[in-house]
Amino acid sequence: MSDEENKIEQEIELEQEVASEENEEVNVEPSLENELAAALAEIESLKDHALRAMADAENTRRRAEREKQDARLYAIDKFARDLLPIADTLGRALGTITEEQRGDEGFKAFVEGIELTEKELFKAFEAHGVKKIGIQGEKFDPNLHQAVAQIPSAIAAGNIAEVFQPGFTLQGRVLRAAMVAVSAGD
């Protein structure tokens, strides 16, 4: 073989090697791009998972805080419900006393004692967030009042005409709805 043929053969081999290397680089680049894309997708997935876990932890913390606050606010719920019949009984006792009995000196101290006891009970209720609801003349609210009758009255229609049993709330939550008669108007 001549030198020229050797050169040509060497050039052909060189071109084949270069082409082979380019093919390898071309094959390597898509592989790296795929790996990079997969890594970026995994990073996004992990970020999403981490954000969801943090949000879930925050929601759990808020729920626990709300439950703790509710437990503190409404801890006396059952006790307050148990005292409501006592308040009713004191009110009924005072309602049965006539003016004649109030004027009797021997009975006056007894009446004052019942009035003082009722006053102190309502004072204790107020101190702990228990409020009396259901006042004659106020607007009827089905969330606070239980209508047991609708009667003709001089009071404006839709307002409370008569209170049969007062209601009570604890920190805005109804302990017992007031039993009332609603005015139908004149």
Protein backbone atom coordinates (compact mmCIF):
# COMPACT_ATOMS: atom_id res chain seq x y z
CA MET A 1 0.00 0.00 0.00
CA SER A 2 1.11 3.39 -0.71
CA ASP A 3 1.47 6.23 1.66
CA GLU A 4 -1.47 7.92 0.14
CA GLU A 5 -3.66 4.89 0.60
CA ASN A 6 -2.48 4.59 4.19
CA LYS A 7 -3.36 8.22 4.78
CA ILE A 8 -6.79 7.72 3.29
CA GLU A 9 -7.32 4.61 5.38
CA GLN A 10 -6.17 6.43 8.51
CA GLU A 11 -8.51 9.33 7.75
CA ILE A 12 -11.39 6.93 7.28
CA GLU A 13 -10.59 5.22 10.59
CA LEU A 14 -10.28 8.63 12.26
CA GLU A 15 -13.64 9.73 10.84
CA GLN A 16 -15.19 6.49 12.02
CA GLU A 17 -13.75 7.00 15.52
CA VAL A 18 -14.98 10.60 15.60
CA ALA A 19 -18.41 9.49 14.40
CA SER A 20 -18.43 6.74 16.99
CA GLU A 21 -17.50 9.20 19.75
CA GLU A 22 -20.19 11.66 18.57
CA ASN A 23 -22.74 8.84 18.71
CA GLU A 24 -21.62 8.06 22.23
CA GLU A 25 -21.92 11.76 23.20
CA VAL A 26 -25.32 11.94 21.56
CA ASN A 27 -26.34 8.83 23.48
CA VAL A 28 -24.87 10.21 26.71
CA GLU A 29 -26.62 13.59 26.49
CA PRO A 30 -30.18 12.19 26.36
CA SER A 31 -29.31 9.90 29.23
CA LEU A 32 -28.10 12.83 31.35
CA GLU A 33 -31.15 14.88 30.38
CA ASN A 34 -33.42 12.02 31.42
CA GLU A 35 -31.61 11.67 34.72
CA LEU A 36 -31.81 15.42 35.29
CA ALA A 37 -35.53 15.48 34.48
CA ALA A 38 -36.15 12.52 36.81
CA ALA A 39 -34.14 14.20 39.59
CA LEU A 40 -36.06 17.47 39.16
CA ALA A 41 -39.37 15.60 39.22
CA GLU A 42 -38.32 13.81 42.40
CA ILE A 43 -37.30 17.12 43.99
CA GLU A 44 -40.72 18.61 43.14
CA SER A 45 -42.44 15.54 44.54
CA LEU A 46 -40.43 15.75 47.77
CA LYS A 47 -41.14 19.49 48.07
CA ASP A 48 -44.85 18.83 47.61
CA HIS A 49 -44.75 16.03 50.19
CA ALA A 50 -42.87 18.24 52.66
CA LEU A 51 -45.31 21.15 52.18
CA ARG A 52 -48.29 18.84 52.68
CA ALA A 53 -46.73 17.38 55.82
CA MET A 54 -46.09 20.89 57.20
CA ALA A 55 -49.65 21.97 56.38
CA ASP A 56 -51.04 18.85 58.02
CA ALA A 57 -48.95 19.48 61.14
CA GLU A 58 -50.16 23.11 61.25
CA ASN A 59 -53.80 22.02 60.87
CA THR A 60 -53.36 19.48 63.67
CA ARG A 61 -51.81 22.15 65.90
CA ARG A 62 -54.67 24.57 65.19
CA ARG A 63 -57.31 21.89 65.81
CA ALA A 64 -55.67 20.92 69.11
CA GLU A 65 -55.50 24.58 70.15
CA ARG A 66 -59.19 25.10 69.26
CA GLU A 67 -60.20 21.95 71.18
CA LYS A 68 -58.14 23.08 74.16
CA GLN A 69 -59.79 26.51 74.09
CA ASP A 70 -63.27 24.96 73.76
CA ALA A 71 -62.55 22.60 76.66
CA ARG A 72 -61.51 25.56 78.80
CA LEU A 73 -64.54 27.67 77.81
CA TYR A 74 -67.14 24.92 78.10
CA ALA A 75 -65.70 22.85 80.95
CA ILE A 76 -68.54 23.85 83.26
CA ASP A 77 -71.22 23.01 80.69
CA LYS A 78 -72.56 19.98 82.55
CA PHE A 79 -72.35 21.64 85.95
CA ALA A 80 -74.17 24.73 84.68
CA ARG A 81 -76.92 22.56 83.15
CA ASP A 82 -77.34 20.86 86.53
CA LEU A 83 -77.82 24.26 88.23
CA LEU A 84 -80.51 25.49 85.81
CA PRO A 85 -83.37 23.65 87.58
CA ILE A 86 -82.26 25.30 90.84
CA ALA A 87 -82.48 28.73 89.21
CA ASP A 88 -85.94 27.78 87.87
CA THR A 89 -87.10 26.64 91.30
CA LEU A 90 -85.92 29.85 92.97
CA GLY A 91 -87.72 31.89 90.30
CA ARG A 92 -90.94 29.91 90.72
CA ALA A 93 -90.72 30.26 94.51
CA LEU A 94 -90.38 34.03 94.19
CA GLY A 95 -93.22 34.11 91.65
CA THR A 96 -95.67 32.48 94.08
CA ILE A 97 -95.12 35.03 96.84
CA THR A 98 -98.01 37.51 97.05
CA GLU A 99 -97.74 41.19 97.99
CA GLU A 100 -99.54 40.42 101.22
CA GLN A 101 -96.90 37.82 102.12
CA ARG A 102 -94.10 40.27 101.24
CA GLY A 103 -95.59 42.75 103.73
CA ASP A 104 -95.68 40.15 106.57
CA GLU A 105 -92.74 40.90 108.89
CA GLY A 106 -92.30 37.23 109.84
CA PHE A 107 -92.13 36.19 106.20
CA LYS A 108 -90.13 39.18 104.89
CA ALA A 109 -86.71 37.81 105.93
CA PHE A 110 -87.49 34.49 104.25
CA VAL A 111 -88.42 36.24 100.97
CA GLU A 112 -85.29 38.39 101.12
CA GLY A 113 -83.21 35.25 101.64
CA ILE A 114 -84.65 33.60 98.54
CA GLU A 115 -84.15 36.79 96.51
CA LEU A 116 -80.56 37.08 97.72
CA THR A 117 -79.89 33.42 96.91
CA GLU A 118 -81.26 33.86 93.37
CA LYS A 119 -79.25 37.07 92.92
CA GLU A 120 -76.02 35.35 94.03
CA LEU A 121 -76.70 32.38 91.76
CA PHE A 122 -77.10 34.66 88.73
CA LYS A 123 -74.02 36.62 89.78
CA ALA A 124 -72.02 33.35 89.81
CA PHE A 125 -73.52 32.43 86.44
CA GLU A 126 -72.41 35.76 84.96
CA ALA A 127 -68.90 35.37 86.38
CA HIS A 128 -68.55 32.09 84.49
CA GLY A 129 -70.13 33.22 81.23
CA VAL A 130 -73.65 31.83 81.79
CA LYS A 131 -76.25 34.35 80.64
CA LYS A 132 -80.03 34.32 80.93
CA ILE A 133 -81.97 34.68 77.66
CA GLY A 134 -85.62 35.04 76.75
CA ILE A 135 -86.91 38.47 77.72
CA GLN A 136 -90.47 39.55 76.97
CA GLY A 137 -90.56 41.98 74.05
CA GLU A 138 -87.27 40.97 72.43
CA LYS A 139 -87.20 39.62 68.86
CA PHE A 140 -87.82 35.88 68.58
CA ASP A 141 -84.66 33.99 67.53
CA PRO A 142 -85.13 30.28 66.74
CA ASN A 143 -81.48 29.69 67.64
CA LEU A 144 -82.10 30.89 71.20
CA HIS A 145 -85.81 30.43 71.77
CA GLN A 146 -88.24 27.55 71.53
CA ALA A 147 -91.70 28.74 70.51
CA VAL A 148 -94.39 26.69 72.23
CA ALA A 149 -97.29 28.94 71.22
CA GLN A 150 -98.25 31.92 69.10
CA ILE A 151 -100.66 34.25 70.85
CA PRO A 152 -102.38 37.56 70.08
CA SER A 153 -100.65 40.33 71.98
CA ALA A 154 -100.09 44.08 72.10
CA ILE A 155 -96.38 43.30 71.55
CA ALA A 156 -95.21 43.55 67.93
CA ALA A 157 -95.64 40.40 65.83
CA GLY A 158 -92.57 38.16 65.83
CA ASN A 159 -91.45 39.27 69.28
CA ILE A 160 -91.66 37.32 72.53
CA ALA A 161 -95.05 37.85 74.16
CA GLU A 162 -94.54 35.59 77.18
CA VAL A 163 -91.67 33.59 78.69
CA PHE A 164 -92.63 30.22 80.14
CA GLN A 165 -89.09 29.16 81.03
CA PRO A 166 -85.96 31.29 80.66
CA GLY A 167 -83.08 29.99 78.58
CA PHE A 168 -79.35 30.19 79.22
CA THR A 169 -76.18 30.42 77.15
CA LEU A 170 -72.61 29.56 78.10
CA GLN A 171 -70.07 31.74 76.29
CA GLY A 172 -72.59 32.22 73.47
CA ARG A 173 -73.45 28.52 73.17
CA VAL A 174 -77.04 27.62 74.08
CA LEU A 175 -77.31 25.54 77.26
CA ARG A 176 -81.09 25.56 77.18
CA ALA A 177 -83.41 27.38 74.80
CA ALA A 178 -85.97 29.70 76.35
CA MET A 179 -89.55 28.38 76.07
CA VAL A 180 -91.64 31.28 74.86
CA ALA A 181 -94.92 32.32 73.28
CA VAL A 182 -94.47 34.45 70.18
CA SER A 183 -96.72 37.40 69.54
CA ALA A 184 -99.03 37.23 66.54
CA GLY A 185 -99.77 40.94 66.94
CA ASP A 186 -103.19 42.46 67.74
